[in-house]
Amino acid sequence: LITGLQVFAKDPSHILFVGDSHSYGEFGKAIDGYLRNLAEQVTSVASCGSSPSTWTSKGSQFKETNCGYWKKNSLNQEVRVKSHELNSLSDEIKKTTPDLTIIALGTNMLSSEAGIQSEIKEVEKMLQQVKEARSTCIWIGPPDLKKDPFKKNLNLGVTKLKEILEKNNCTFIDSSVVTTYPSGSSDGIHYGAQDSKKWGDKVVEILDQKIKEKSLLSSPQSSPANNTNPAQVKTKQ
């Protein structure tokens, strides 16, 4: 389910979470809620319809979403609007200086095989930006889908994501193996509120388990005299 997790050099205190329309809904709320119990400063941003190329756009090339934008900053100030100009990932990184960056993207690039190939190049750009910021990287992949060509291209998209993420030492959480698209949902892509939350809760369990694992908590570069766990999960009092 998860590969390539980097070791935290210290407790994650600044976290940036970005995603698409899935993150705009209950899935994103579940992730955001968990993260705010994990770190002192969390910023979450979701743009409906976004792909990696949306987040690597610059200046006048910024793309707007007409189906939903959500941002919740480190002060818990929240905005939800239908249309909004989106900051690039690099700008969000500069503003938030995250030591942990979580990206939940991939569904929208499944519209064609050519789209997957093109977007994977943008994925690599995002990963390089995270790496240059010395931030630990976790990528949450798309869930099970029903609508073609998204469903038909899901396995290829997941495979390509795994390859590029492993190459760049970014953790991958494969949502497609922990979800089953619910019957009766409307468009074959999005999940209803209840099922979206269930998916988010499953991802939270994976995040929590992996961050707490003793083998991942001690950096090989840390002093033997240091017996503390550098990535021990914080809980707010």
C-alpha atoms as a PDB file:
ATOM      1  CA  LEU A   1       0.000   0.000   0.000  1.00  0.00           C
ATOM      2  CA  ILE A   2       2.842   2.366   0.758  1.00  0.00           C
ATOM      3  CA  THR A   3       6.405   2.627  -0.480  1.00  0.00           C
ATOM      4  CA  GLY A   4       9.481   4.797  -0.051  1.00  0.00           C
ATOM      5  CA  LEU A   5       8.674   6.616   3.194  1.00  0.00           C
ATOM      6  CA  GLN A   6      11.407   9.058   4.172  1.00  0.00           C
ATOM      7  CA  VAL A   7      12.484   9.461   7.787  1.00  0.00           C
ATOM      8  CA  PHE A   8      11.527  12.653   9.579  1.00  0.00           C
ATOM      9  CA  ALA A   9      14.580  14.506  10.887  1.00  0.00           C
ATOM     10  CA  LYS A  10      12.330  16.006  13.563  1.00  0.00           C
ATOM     11  CA  ASP A  11       8.677  16.160  14.520  1.00  0.00           C
ATOM     12  CA  PRO A  12       6.659  17.403  11.545  1.00  0.00           C
ATOM     13  CA  SER A  13       5.562  20.873  12.638  1.00  0.00           C
ATOM     14  CA  HIS A  14       4.595  22.496   9.322  1.00  0.00           C
ATOM     15  CA  ILE A  15       2.479  20.449   6.905  1.00  0.00           C
ATOM     16  CA  LEU A  16       1.172  21.336   3.464  1.00  0.00           C
ATOM     17  CA  PHE A  17      -1.654  19.237   2.001  1.00  0.00           C
ATOM     18  CA  VAL A  18      -2.830  19.808  -1.588  1.00  0.00           C
ATOM     19  CA  GLY A  19      -5.354  17.950  -3.717  1.00  0.00           C
ATOM     20  CA  ASP A  20      -8.176  17.937  -6.246  1.00  0.00           C
ATOM     21  CA  SER A  21     -11.970  17.652  -5.910  1.00  0.00           C
ATOM     22  CA  HIS A  22     -11.648  14.526  -3.742  1.00  0.00           C
ATOM     23  CA  SER A  23      -9.761  16.629  -1.208  1.00  0.00           C
ATOM     24  CA  TYR A  24     -12.416  19.350  -1.474  1.00  0.00           C
ATOM     25  CA  GLY A  25     -14.892  16.875   0.040  1.00  0.00           C
ATOM     26  CA  GLU A  26     -15.065  14.599   3.064  1.00  0.00           C
ATOM     27  CA  PHE A  27     -11.908  12.709   2.083  1.00  0.00           C
ATOM     28  CA  GLY A  28      -9.926  15.922   2.405  1.00  0.00           C
ATOM     29  CA  LYS A  29     -11.645  16.854   5.644  1.00  0.00           C
ATOM     30  CA  ALA A  30     -10.611  13.531   7.185  1.00  0.00           C
ATOM     31  CA  ILE A  31      -6.980  13.996   6.155  1.00  0.00           C
ATOM     32  CA  ASP A  32      -6.948  17.634   7.284  1.00  0.00           C
ATOM     33  CA  GLY A  33      -8.432  16.783  10.675  1.00  0.00           C
ATOM     34  CA  TYR A  34      -5.783  14.155  11.294  1.00  0.00           C
ATOM     35  CA  LEU A  35      -2.968  16.457  10.240  1.00  0.00           C
ATOM     36  CA  ARG A  36      -4.096  19.235  12.583  1.00  0.00           C
ATOM     37  CA  ASN A  37      -3.678  16.826  15.484  1.00  0.00           C
ATOM     38  CA  LEU A  38      -0.247  15.887  14.169  1.00  0.00           C
ATOM     39  CA  ALA A  39       1.393  19.273  13.681  1.00  0.00           C
ATOM     40  CA  GLU A  40       1.296  22.841  14.930  1.00  0.00           C
ATOM     41  CA  GLN A  41       0.785  24.456  11.515  1.00  0.00           C
ATOM     42  CA  VAL A  42      -1.205  22.863   8.694  1.00  0.00           C
ATOM     43  CA  THR A  43      -2.311  24.377   5.401  1.00  0.00           C
ATOM     44  CA  SER A  44      -4.733  22.452   3.171  1.00  0.00           C
ATOM     45  CA  VAL A  45      -5.625  23.494  -0.385  1.00  0.00           C
ATOM     46  CA  ALA A  46      -7.918  21.706  -2.849  1.00  0.00           C
ATOM     47  CA  SER A  47      -8.836  22.676  -6.390  1.00  0.00           C
ATOM     48  CA  CYS A  48     -11.551  20.769  -8.221  1.00  0.00           C
ATOM     49  CA  GLY A  49     -10.467  19.482 -11.612  1.00  0.00           C
ATOM     50  CA  SER A  50      -6.770  19.959 -10.900  1.00  0.00           C
ATOM     51  CA  SER A  51      -3.929  17.812 -12.170  1.00  0.00           C
ATOM     52  CA  PRO A  52      -0.206  18.119 -11.416  1.00  0.00           C
ATOM     53  CA  SER A  53       0.149  20.592 -14.321  1.00  0.00           C
ATOM     54  CA  THR A  54      -2.361  22.868 -12.583  1.00  0.00           C
ATOM     55  CA  TRP A  55      -0.044  23.125  -9.598  1.00  0.00           C
ATOM     56  CA  THR A  56       3.102  23.758 -11.644  1.00  0.00           C
ATOM     57  CA  SER A  57       1.585  26.665 -13.618  1.00  0.00           C
ATOM     58  CA  LYS A  58       3.122  30.086 -13.174  1.00  0.00           C
ATOM     59  CA  GLY A  59       1.876  33.677 -13.231  1.00  0.00           C
ATOM     60  CA  SER A  60      -0.754  34.324 -15.896  1.00  0.00           C
ATOM     61  CA  GLN A  61      -0.881  30.601 -16.599  1.00  0.00           C
ATOM     62  CA  PHE A  62      -2.591  29.900 -13.282  1.00  0.00           C
ATOM     63  CA  LYS A  63      -5.763  27.935 -13.880  1.00  0.00           C
ATOM     64  CA  GLU A  64      -9.098  28.655 -12.238  1.00  0.00           C
ATOM     65  CA  THR A  65     -11.559  26.079 -10.991  1.00  0.00           C
ATOM     66  CA  ASN A  66     -15.271  26.621 -11.490  1.00  0.00           C
ATOM     67  CA  CYS A  67     -16.330  23.557  -9.505  1.00  0.00           C
ATOM     68  CA  GLY A  68     -14.803  24.138  -6.104  1.00  0.00           C
ATOM     69  CA  TYR A  69     -11.810  25.614  -4.275  1.00  0.00           C
ATOM     70  CA  TRP A  70     -11.076  25.061  -0.594  1.00  0.00           C
ATOM     71  CA  LYS A  71      -8.292  26.418   1.562  1.00  0.00           C
ATOM     72  CA  LYS A  72      -7.788  26.132   5.299  1.00  0.00           C
ATOM     73  CA  ASN A  73      -4.707  27.867   6.637  1.00  0.00           C
ATOM     74  CA  SER A  74      -2.569  27.359   9.713  1.00  0.00           C
ATOM     75  CA  LEU A  75      -4.894  29.629  11.734  1.00  0.00           C
ATOM     76  CA  ASN A  76      -7.893  27.427  10.855  1.00  0.00           C
ATOM     77  CA  GLN A  77      -9.281  30.186   8.647  1.00  0.00           C
ATOM     78  CA  GLU A  78     -11.277  28.553   5.883  1.00  0.00           C
ATOM     79  CA  VAL A  79     -12.569  29.574   2.450  1.00  0.00           C
ATOM     80  CA  ARG A  80     -14.807  27.629   0.057  1.00  0.00           C
ATOM     81  CA  VAL A  81     -15.676  29.186  -3.298  1.00  0.00           C
ATOM     82  CA  LYS A  82     -16.717  27.999  -6.748  1.00  0.00           C
ATOM     83  CA  SER A  83     -13.991  29.815  -8.679  1.00  0.00           C
ATOM     84  CA  HIS A  84     -10.582  30.963  -7.527  1.00  0.00           C
ATOM     85  CA  GLU A  85      -7.125  31.582  -8.941  1.00  0.00           C
ATOM     86  CA  LEU A  86      -4.820  28.865  -7.653  1.00  0.00           C
ATOM     87  CA  ASN A  87      -1.349  29.439  -6.242  1.00  0.00           C
ATOM     88  CA  SER A  88       1.322  27.112  -7.575  1.00  0.00           C
ATOM     89  CA  LEU A  89       2.762  24.403  -5.350  1.00  0.00           C
ATOM     90  CA  SER A  90       6.079  26.241  -5.249  1.00  0.00           C
ATOM     91  CA  ASP A  91       4.385  29.387  -3.958  1.00  0.00           C
ATOM     92  CA  GLU A  92       2.494  27.427  -1.303  1.00  0.00           C
ATOM     93  CA  ILE A  93       5.751  25.789  -0.230  1.00  0.00           C
ATOM     94  CA  LYS A  94       7.437  29.181   0.079  1.00  0.00           C
ATOM     95  CA  LYS A  95       4.571  30.480   2.222  1.00  0.00           C
ATOM     96  CA  THR A  96       4.206  27.471   4.501  1.00  0.00           C
ATOM     97  CA  THR A  97       7.798  26.080   4.659  1.00  0.00           C
ATOM     98  CA  PRO A  98       6.521  22.527   5.222  1.00  0.00           C
ATOM     99  CA  ASP A  99       8.685  19.760   6.597  1.00  0.00           C
ATOM    100  CA  LEU A 100       5.970  17.363   5.381  1.00  0.00           C
ATOM    101  CA  THR A 101       4.182  17.805   2.048  1.00  0.00           C
ATOM    102  CA  ILE A 102       1.197  15.590   1.228  1.00  0.00           C
ATOM    103  CA  ILE A 103      -0.160  15.572  -2.325  1.00  0.00           C
ATOM    104  CA  ALA A 104      -3.423  13.860  -3.287  1.00  0.00           C
ATOM    105  CA  LEU A 105      -3.611  14.032  -7.078  1.00  0.00           C
ATOM    106  CA  GLY A 106      -3.926  11.691 -10.016  1.00  0.00           C
ATOM    107  CA  THR A 107      -7.571  11.136 -10.936  1.00  0.00           C
ATOM    108  CA  ASN A 108      -7.843  13.908 -13.507  1.00  0.00           C
ATOM    109  CA  MET A 109      -4.760  12.832 -15.411  1.00  0.00           C
ATOM    110  CA  LEU A 110      -6.442   9.511 -16.214  1.00  0.00           C
ATOM    111  CA  SER A 111      -8.557  11.000 -19.009  1.00  0.00           C
ATOM    112  CA  SER A 112      -6.134   9.565 -21.591  1.00  0.00           C
ATOM    113  CA  GLU A 113      -2.889   7.620 -21.857  1.00  0.00           C
ATOM    114  CA  ALA A 114      -1.267  10.668 -23.439  1.00  0.00           C
ATOM    115  CA  GLY A 115      -2.482  12.737 -20.501  1.00  0.00           C
ATOM    116  CA  ILE A 116      -0.824  10.342 -18.079  1.00  0.00           C
ATOM    117  CA  GLN A 117       2.501  10.572 -19.905  1.00  0.00           C
ATOM    118  CA  SER A 118       2.309  14.372 -19.980  1.00  0.00           C
ATOM    119  CA  GLU A 119       1.259  14.745 -16.354  1.00  0.00           C
ATOM    120  CA  ILE A 120       3.960  12.412 -15.044  1.00  0.00           C
ATOM    121  CA  LYS A 121       6.491  15.026 -16.170  1.00  0.00           C
ATOM    122  CA  GLU A 122       4.629  17.575 -14.038  1.00  0.00           C
ATOM    123  CA  VAL A 123       4.593  15.141 -11.119  1.00  0.00           C
ATOM    124  CA  GLU A 124       8.377  15.070 -11.315  1.00  0.00           C
ATOM    125  CA  LYS A 125       8.486  18.875 -11.244  1.00  0.00           C
ATOM    126  CA  MET A 126       6.357  18.883  -8.093  1.00  0.00           C
ATOM    127  CA  LEU A 127       8.560  16.266  -6.463  1.00  0.00           C
ATOM    128  CA  GLN A 128      11.655  18.314  -7.264  1.00  0.00           C
ATOM    129  CA  GLN A 129      10.089  21.375  -5.638  1.00  0.00           C
ATOM    130  CA  VAL A 130       9.336  19.367  -2.512  1.00  0.00           C
ATOM    131  CA  LYS A 131      12.849  17.941  -2.499  1.00  0.00           C
ATOM    132  CA  GLU A 132      14.449  21.370  -2.883  1.00  0.00           C
ATOM    133  CA  ALA A 133      12.440  22.545   0.126  1.00  0.00           C
ATOM    134  CA  ARG A 134      13.875  19.627   2.143  1.00  0.00           C
ATOM    135  CA  SER A 135      10.346  18.506   2.854  1.00  0.00           C
ATOM    136  CA  THR A 136       9.287  14.896   3.369  1.00  0.00           C
ATOM    137  CA  CYS A 137       6.957  13.785   0.585  1.00  0.00           C
ATOM    138  CA  ILE A 138       3.829  11.632   0.676  1.00  0.00           C
ATOM    139  CA  TRP A 139       1.610  11.159  -2.386  1.00  0.00           C
ATOM    140  CA  ILE A 140      -1.932   9.772  -2.135  1.00  0.00           C
ATOM    141  CA  GLY A 141      -3.038   8.182  -5.397  1.00  0.00           C
ATOM    142  CA  PRO A 142      -6.519   8.053  -6.967  1.00  0.00           C
ATOM    143  CA  PRO A 143      -9.219   5.717  -5.646  1.00  0.00           C
ATOM    144  CA  ASP A 144     -11.153   3.013  -7.458  1.00  0.00           C
ATOM    145  CA  LEU A 145     -13.253   4.489 -10.261  1.00  0.00           C
ATOM    146  CA  LYS A 146     -16.187   3.416 -12.429  1.00  0.00           C
ATOM    147  CA  LYS A 147     -16.290   5.860 -15.352  1.00  0.00           C
ATOM    148  CA  ASP A 148     -14.176   5.258 -18.438  1.00  0.00           C
ATOM    149  CA  PRO A 149     -11.643   6.238 -19.643  1.00  0.00           C
ATOM    150  CA  PHE A 150     -10.628   7.022 -16.039  1.00  0.00           C
ATOM    151  CA  LYS A 151     -11.265   3.479 -14.818  1.00  0.00           C
ATOM    152  CA  LYS A 152      -9.579   1.935 -17.877  1.00  0.00           C
ATOM    153  CA  ASN A 153      -6.465   4.064 -17.315  1.00  0.00           C
ATOM    154  CA  LEU A 154      -6.329   3.701 -13.521  1.00  0.00           C
ATOM    155  CA  ASN A 155      -3.817   0.836 -13.401  1.00  0.00           C
ATOM    156  CA  LEU A 156      -1.502   2.547 -15.882  1.00  0.00           C
ATOM    157  CA  GLY A 157      -1.697   5.803 -13.966  1.00  0.00           C
ATOM    158  CA  VAL A 158      -0.961   4.131 -10.645  1.00  0.00           C
ATOM    159  CA  THR A 159       1.969   2.218 -12.159  1.00  0.00           C
ATOM    160  CA  LYS A 160       3.494   5.383 -13.611  1.00  0.00           C
ATOM    161  CA  LEU A 161       3.000   7.242 -10.328  1.00  0.00           C
ATOM    162  CA  LYS A 162       4.708   4.461  -8.370  1.00  0.00           C
ATOM    163  CA  GLU A 163       7.680   4.526 -10.725  1.00  0.00           C
ATOM    164  CA  ILE A 164       8.288   8.264 -10.568  1.00  0.00           C
ATOM    165  CA  LEU A 165       7.622   8.504  -6.821  1.00  0.00           C
ATOM    166  CA  GLU A 166      10.015   5.677  -6.007  1.00  0.00           C
ATOM    167  CA  LYS A 167      12.651   7.309  -8.195  1.00  0.00           C
ATOM    168  CA  ASN A 168      12.247  10.536  -6.215  1.00  0.00           C
ATOM    169  CA  ASN A 169      12.000   8.917  -2.771  1.00  0.00           C
ATOM    170  CA  CYS A 170       8.404   9.956  -2.176  1.00  0.00           C
ATOM    171  CA  THR A 171       6.008   7.756  -0.231  1.00  0.00           C
ATOM    172  CA  PHE A 172       3.059   6.440  -2.234  1.00  0.00           C
ATOM    173  CA  ILE A 173      -0.283   5.474  -0.737  1.00  0.00           C
ATOM    174  CA  ASP A 174      -2.282   3.464  -3.267  1.00  0.00           C
ATOM    175  CA  SER A 175      -5.909   4.406  -2.678  1.00  0.00           C
ATOM    176  CA  SER A 176      -7.102   2.108  -5.469  1.00  0.00           C
ATOM    177  CA  VAL A 177      -6.452  -0.992  -3.353  1.00  0.00           C
ATOM    178  CA  VAL A 178      -8.298   0.264  -0.262  1.00  0.00           C
ATOM    179  CA  THR A 179     -11.415   1.525  -2.035  1.00  0.00           C
ATOM    180  CA  THR A 180     -14.262   0.057  -4.070  1.00  0.00           C
ATOM    181  CA  TYR A 181     -16.343   2.514  -6.056  1.00  0.00           C
ATOM    182  CA  PRO A 182     -19.776   2.586  -4.384  1.00  0.00           C
ATOM    183  CA  SER A 183     -22.826   1.547  -6.348  1.00  0.00           C
ATOM    184  CA  GLY A 184     -25.409   4.249  -6.856  1.00  0.00           C
ATOM    185  CA  SER A 185     -22.932   7.132  -6.916  1.00  0.00           C
ATOM    186  CA  SER A 186     -23.582   9.635  -9.654  1.00  0.00           C
ATOM    187  CA  ASP A 187     -20.646  10.238 -11.981  1.00  0.00           C
ATOM    188  CA  GLY A 188     -18.304   7.263 -11.682  1.00  0.00           C
ATOM    189  CA  ILE A 189     -15.476   9.452 -10.353  1.00  0.00           C
ATOM    190  CA  HIS A 190     -16.554  11.190  -7.153  1.00  0.00           C
ATOM    191  CA  TYR A 191     -17.610   9.492  -3.937  1.00  0.00           C
ATOM    192  CA  GLY A 192     -20.599  10.474  -1.834  1.00  0.00           C
ATOM    193  CA  ALA A 193     -19.934  12.094   1.525  1.00  0.00           C
ATOM    194  CA  GLN A 194     -20.110   8.885   3.587  1.00  0.00           C
ATOM    195  CA  ASP A 195     -17.897   6.833   1.262  1.00  0.00           C
ATOM    196  CA  SER A 196     -15.482   9.722   0.806  1.00  0.00           C
ATOM    197  CA  LYS A 197     -15.015   9.910   4.574  1.00  0.00           C
ATOM    198  CA  LYS A 198     -14.475   6.137   4.765  1.00  0.00           C
ATOM    199  CA  TRP A 199     -11.717   6.437   2.194  1.00  0.00           C
ATOM    200  CA  GLY A 200     -10.156   9.315   4.115  1.00  0.00           C
ATOM    201  CA  ASP A 201     -10.285   7.368   7.369  1.00  0.00           C
ATOM    202  CA  LYS A 202      -8.494   4.418   5.731  1.00  0.00           C
ATOM    203  CA  VAL A 203      -5.736   6.692   4.458  1.00  0.00           C
ATOM    204  CA  VAL A 204      -5.421   8.278   7.898  1.00  0.00           C
ATOM    205  CA  GLU A 205      -4.891   4.817   9.404  1.00  0.00           C
ATOM    206  CA  ILE A 206      -2.055   4.159   6.964  1.00  0.00           C
ATOM    207  CA  LEU A 207      -0.460   7.547   7.592  1.00  0.00           C
ATOM    208  CA  ASP A 208      -0.689   7.152  11.346  1.00  0.00           C
ATOM    209  CA  GLN A 209       0.662   3.606  11.331  1.00  0.00           C
ATOM    210  CA  LYS A 210       3.646   4.399   9.160  1.00  0.00           C
ATOM    211  CA  ILE A 211       4.622   7.590  10.955  1.00  0.00           C
ATOM    212  CA  LYS A 212       4.506   5.830  14.307  1.00  0.00           C
ATOM    213  CA  GLU A 213       6.470   2.753  13.268  1.00  0.00           C
ATOM    214  CA  LYS A 214       9.612   2.597  15.346  1.00  0.00           C
ATOM    215  CA  SER A 215      11.759   1.684  12.354  1.00  0.00           C
ATOM    216  CA  LEU A 216      10.809   4.980  10.718  1.00  0.00           C
ATOM    217  CA  LEU A 217      11.142   7.202  13.739  1.00  0.00           C
ATOM    218  CA  SER A 218      14.899   7.201  14.259  1.00  0.00           C
ATOM    219  CA  SER A 219      17.122   8.785  11.652  1.00  0.00           C
ATOM    220  CA  PRO A 220      20.348   6.877  10.881  1.00  0.00           C
ATOM    221  CA  GLN A 221      22.197  10.183  11.209  1.00  0.00           C
ATOM    222  CA  SER A 222      20.924  10.821  14.726  1.00  0.00           C
ATOM    223  CA  SER A 223      23.176  10.392  17.696  1.00  0.00           C
ATOM    224  CA  PRO A 224      23.004   6.998  19.512  1.00  0.00           C
ATOM    225  CA  ALA A 225      22.672   8.968  22.718  1.00  0.00           C
ATOM    226  CA  ASN A 226      19.440  10.455  21.496  1.00  0.00           C
ATOM    227  CA  ASN A 227      16.739   8.054  22.667  1.00  0.00           C
ATOM    228  CA  THR A 228      13.806  10.198  21.643  1.00  0.00           C
ATOM    229  CA  ASN A 229      11.655   9.399  18.627  1.00  0.00           C
ATOM    230  CA  PRO A 230      12.164  12.287  16.181  1.00  0.00           C
ATOM    231  CA  ALA A 231       8.866  11.705  14.386  1.00  0.00           C
ATOM    232  CA  GLN A 232       6.672  10.922  17.345  1.00  0.00           C
ATOM    233  CA  VAL A 233       3.127  12.028  16.614  1.00  0.00           C
ATOM    234  CA  LYS A 234       2.013  15.129  18.468  1.00  0.00           C
ATOM    235  CA  THR A 235      -1.322  15.375  20.179  1.00  0.00           C
ATOM    236  CA  LYS A 236      -2.866  18.660  21.116  1.00  0.00           C
ATOM    237  CA  GLN A 237      -3.688  19.200  24.739  1.00  0.00           C
END
